[in-house]
Amino acid sequence: MKVSFSAIFAAALFSSLSSAAPTKNAAPTVRVQLNGISGEDAIQREVPADNSPFSLGAARDFFSAQIVDAEGLRQPACQVFSDLKGLVPASEISVTTTETELLLGSRGSVQVGSLRCSHL
């Protein structure tokens, strides 16, 4: 049985094309930093900028929050929620051309469980 090179090449090409999954564009993200009172207990999270709730996994107390990176996004904004599902608002963070930090509690820390970020 004789098989031509072009038949083998065509079969290999078809196989590789049919098994390749279509690629989706990743949602833009906003890097948010949540700061504890001591300054040593800060965390940073990449949050999708699609206005969906982003759970931190467990609610923790934070003193302030800031958007530290939003590459290529116009007017990113994030809202901080006390619960894990993004239903109980605590504060809103917004940023212009410079980094801004929002104090979450007027007398100390605020419990944060989730974030929602968006952009124009």
Protein backbone atom coordinates (compact mmCIF):
# COMPACT_ATOMS: atom_id res chain seq x y z
CA MET A 1 0.00 0.00 0.00
CA LYS A 2 1.42 3.31 -1.10
CA VAL A 3 0.52 6.49 0.78
CA SER A 4 1.52 9.85 -0.58
CA PHE A 5 3.25 12.49 1.52
CA SER A 6 0.47 14.98 0.78
CA ALA A 7 -2.17 12.59 2.18
CA ILE A 8 -0.19 12.16 5.41
CA PHE A 9 0.37 15.92 5.68
CA ALA A 10 -3.32 16.67 5.08
CA ALA A 11 -4.38 14.11 7.71
CA ALA A 12 -1.92 15.54 10.26
CA LEU A 13 -3.07 19.10 9.54
CA PHE A 14 -6.75 18.17 9.88
CA SER A 15 -6.04 16.34 13.14
CA SER A 16 -4.18 19.30 14.66
CA LEU A 17 -6.85 21.79 13.58
CA SER A 18 -9.75 19.74 14.89
CA SER A 19 -8.14 19.18 18.30
CA ALA A 20 -7.17 22.82 18.85
CA ALA A 21 -9.58 24.60 21.16
CA PRO A 22 -10.73 28.05 20.12
CA THR A 23 -8.97 30.77 22.05
CA LYS A 24 -10.94 33.41 23.93
CA ASN A 25 -9.65 36.85 24.70
CA ALA A 26 -8.94 37.12 28.39
CA ALA A 27 -11.03 39.66 30.26
CA PRO A 28 -9.07 42.77 31.23
CA THR A 29 -8.01 42.82 34.85
CA VAL A 30 -7.35 45.38 37.56
CA ARG A 31 -4.69 44.76 40.22
CA VAL A 32 -6.07 45.80 43.59
CA GLN A 33 -4.05 46.06 46.80
CA LEU A 34 -5.81 45.69 50.15
CA ASN A 35 -3.80 47.02 53.09
CA GLY A 36 -4.05 45.93 56.70
CA ILE A 37 -3.37 48.32 59.56
CA SER A 38 0.19 47.12 60.14
CA GLY A 39 1.26 47.57 56.52
CA GLU A 40 2.87 44.13 56.49
CA ASP A 41 -0.37 42.30 55.87
CA ALA A 42 -1.20 43.75 52.44
CA ILE A 43 -2.43 41.49 49.65
CA GLN A 44 -2.74 42.07 45.91
CA ARG A 45 -5.28 40.38 43.66
CA GLU A 46 -5.91 40.44 39.89
CA VAL A 47 -9.64 41.12 39.58
CA PRO A 48 -11.51 40.76 36.26
CA ALA A 49 -12.80 44.16 35.13
CA ASP A 50 -16.15 42.74 34.01
CA ASN A 51 -18.24 43.80 37.04
CA SER A 52 -18.57 40.21 38.27
CA PRO A 53 -18.02 39.41 41.97
CA PHE A 54 -14.49 38.26 42.83
CA SER A 55 -14.36 36.41 46.16
CA LEU A 56 -11.28 36.62 48.36
CA GLY A 57 -12.16 33.19 49.76
CA ALA A 58 -12.53 34.48 53.32
CA ALA A 59 -13.54 37.85 54.72
CA ARG A 60 -10.68 39.75 56.39
CA ASP A 61 -10.21 43.16 57.95
CA PHE A 62 -8.46 45.80 55.83
CA PHE A 63 -7.68 49.45 56.50
CA SER A 64 -7.37 50.75 52.94
CA ALA A 65 -7.55 49.70 49.31
CA GLN A 66 -6.01 50.96 46.10
CA ILE A 67 -5.89 50.15 42.42
CA VAL A 68 -2.21 49.69 41.68
CA ASP A 69 -2.37 48.57 38.04
CA ALA A 70 -4.97 48.81 35.31
CA GLU A 71 -2.92 48.63 32.13
CA GLY A 72 -4.74 50.03 29.14
CA LEU A 73 -8.06 50.52 30.93
CA ARG A 74 -9.85 53.87 30.92
CA GLN A 75 -11.33 54.88 34.24
CA PRO A 76 -11.14 51.61 36.17
CA ALA A 77 -13.22 51.44 39.33
CA CYS A 78 -13.67 48.78 41.98
CA GLN A 79 -16.20 48.32 44.71
CA VAL A 80 -15.38 46.53 47.96
CA PHE A 81 -17.95 44.21 49.57
CA SER A 82 -18.15 42.86 53.10
CA ASP A 83 -19.47 39.46 52.01
CA LEU A 84 -18.01 36.78 49.71
CA LYS A 85 -20.77 37.04 47.07
CA GLY A 86 -20.53 40.78 46.34
CA LEU A 87 -23.89 41.77 47.80
CA VAL A 88 -23.10 43.95 50.85
CA PRO A 89 -21.19 47.08 49.75
CA ALA A 90 -18.48 48.49 51.98
CA SER A 91 -16.76 51.17 49.83
CA GLU A 92 -15.88 52.17 46.30
CA ILE A 93 -12.38 52.67 44.91
CA SER A 94 -11.73 54.69 41.80
CA VAL A 95 -8.54 55.82 40.17
CA THR A 96 -7.59 58.56 37.74
CA THR A 97 -4.13 59.01 36.26
CA THR A 98 -2.37 58.66 39.62
CA GLU A 99 -2.61 55.95 42.22
CA THR A 100 -5.26 56.66 44.81
CA GLU A 101 -5.78 54.98 48.12
CA LEU A 102 -9.15 54.79 49.79
CA LEU A 103 -9.42 54.50 53.55
CA LEU A 104 -12.13 51.91 54.07
CA GLY A 105 -13.06 52.63 57.67
CA SER A 106 -13.33 56.00 59.35
CA ARG A 107 -12.19 54.51 62.67
CA GLY A 108 -10.17 51.49 61.70
CA SER A 109 -10.57 48.53 59.43
CA VAL A 110 -13.50 47.17 57.43
CA GLN A 111 -14.26 43.53 56.71
CA VAL A 112 -13.72 42.74 53.02
CA GLY A 113 -14.86 39.49 51.42
CA SER A 114 -15.13 40.31 47.72
CA LEU A 115 -14.52 42.91 45.02
CA ARG A 116 -16.16 43.97 41.76
CA CYS A 117 -14.18 45.93 39.18
CA SER A 118 -15.20 47.57 35.92
CA HIS A 119 -13.92 50.10 33.39
CA LEU A 120 -15.17 52.31 30.56
